[in-house]
């Protein structure tokens, strides 16, 4: 009657998919955060005579640093979760799942 293939998603497979997605997104978002930081640095340097633009550049740099800190923290939390749940690092888990 219903000839559709069924797949079961185990907890380990779900975690693997989430970790893979996070490991793909963090370098991309980290690159964007680094570019934002450098954009703020350029604005900070070139607008040294204008106090309002100088402050804007400083604020952009701070938000770029905050974004990089958050991304590194998320990456560390994911690694910690992999060790806590599976007893291995995510890279070793990716090799075990043939990624």
Protein backbone atom coordinates (compact mmCIF):
# COMPACT_ATOMS: atom_id res chain seq x y z
CA UNK A 1 0.00 0.00 0.00
CA UNK A 2 2.56 2.58 1.09
CA UNK A 3 5.74 1.81 -0.86
CA UNK A 4 7.62 4.89 0.27
CA UNK A 5 10.98 4.15 1.86
CA UNK A 6 11.11 4.89 5.55
CA UNK A 7 14.17 6.08 7.35
CA UNK A 8 14.68 6.31 11.04
CA UNK A 9 16.69 9.17 12.41
CA UNK A 10 18.68 8.17 15.45
CA UNK A 11 19.99 10.63 17.99
CA UNK A 12 23.56 10.10 16.82
CA UNK A 13 22.59 10.75 13.19
CA UNK A 14 20.72 13.91 14.18
CA UNK A 15 23.68 15.18 16.18
CA UNK A 16 25.97 14.36 13.26
CA UNK A 17 23.83 16.43 10.90
CA UNK A 18 23.67 19.37 13.31
CA UNK A 19 27.44 19.26 13.98
CA UNK A 20 28.15 19.08 10.26
CA UNK A 21 25.93 22.10 9.62
CA UNK A 22 27.56 24.07 12.45
CA UNK A 23 31.05 23.11 11.27
CA UNK A 24 30.16 24.41 7.79
CA UNK A 25 28.60 27.66 9.03
CA UNK A 26 31.19 28.73 11.61
CA UNK A 27 34.06 29.35 9.15
CA UNK A 28 31.73 31.25 6.83
CA UNK A 29 30.30 33.40 9.60
CA UNK A 30 33.77 33.84 11.09
CA UNK A 31 35.00 35.20 7.77
CA UNK A 32 32.10 37.64 7.66
CA UNK A 33 32.79 38.73 11.25
CA UNK A 34 36.47 39.27 10.41
CA UNK A 35 35.51 41.36 7.38
CA UNK A 36 33.17 43.43 9.57
CA UNK A 37 36.00 43.98 12.03
CA UNK A 38 38.37 45.14 9.28
CA UNK A 39 35.65 47.36 7.79
CA UNK A 40 35.33 49.03 11.19
CA UNK A 41 39.11 49.35 11.40
CA UNK A 42 39.27 51.06 8.01
CA UNK A 43 36.48 53.45 9.02
CA UNK A 44 38.22 54.10 12.33
CA UNK A 45 41.53 54.97 10.67
CA UNK A 46 40.19 57.04 7.78
CA UNK A 47 37.73 58.97 9.90
CA UNK A 48 40.15 60.00 12.60
CA UNK A 49 39.26 63.68 12.15
CA UNK A 50 35.47 63.12 12.33
CA UNK A 51 34.54 62.12 15.88
CA UNK A 52 31.13 60.66 14.92
CA UNK A 53 32.54 58.46 12.14
CA UNK A 54 35.47 57.60 14.42
CA UNK A 55 33.02 56.32 17.06
CA UNK A 56 31.05 54.41 14.41
CA UNK A 57 34.19 52.63 13.25
CA UNK A 58 35.06 51.74 16.82
CA UNK A 59 31.56 50.35 17.39
CA UNK A 60 31.74 48.25 14.21
CA UNK A 61 35.09 46.82 15.32
CA UNK A 62 33.64 45.93 18.73
CA UNK A 63 30.66 44.14 17.17
CA UNK A 64 33.00 42.24 14.85
CA UNK A 65 35.03 41.07 17.84
CA UNK A 66 31.86 40.11 19.73
CA UNK A 67 30.68 38.07 16.74
CA UNK A 68 34.05 36.26 16.52
CA UNK A 69 33.97 35.54 20.26
CA UNK A 70 30.43 34.11 20.02
CA UNK A 71 31.38 31.93 17.05
CA UNK A 72 34.46 30.52 18.78
CA UNK A 73 32.35 29.91 21.91
CA UNK A 74 29.70 28.02 19.93
CA UNK A 75 32.41 25.97 18.27
CA UNK A 76 33.85 25.09 21.69
CA UNK A 77 30.42 24.20 23.09
CA UNK A 78 29.78 21.89 20.12
CA UNK A 79 33.13 20.17 20.71
CA UNK A 80 32.33 19.82 24.41
CA UNK A 81 28.91 18.35 23.61
CA UNK A 82 30.50 15.83 21.23
CA UNK A 83 32.92 14.73 23.92
CA UNK A 84 30.16 14.56 26.53
CA UNK A 85 27.70 12.58 24.40
CA UNK A 86 30.01 10.44 22.29
CA UNK A 87 33.36 10.43 24.08
CA UNK A 88 35.21 11.76 21.04
CA UNK A 89 35.84 15.04 19.27
CA UNK A 90 33.65 16.05 16.36
CA UNK A 91 36.43 15.53 13.84
CA UNK A 92 36.84 11.94 15.00
CA UNK A 93 33.05 11.56 14.88
CA UNK A 94 33.00 12.87 11.30
CA UNK A 95 35.62 10.28 10.31
CA UNK A 96 33.57 7.54 11.98
CA UNK A 97 30.53 8.55 9.91
CA UNK A 98 32.63 8.76 6.71
CA UNK A 99 32.19 12.48 6.10
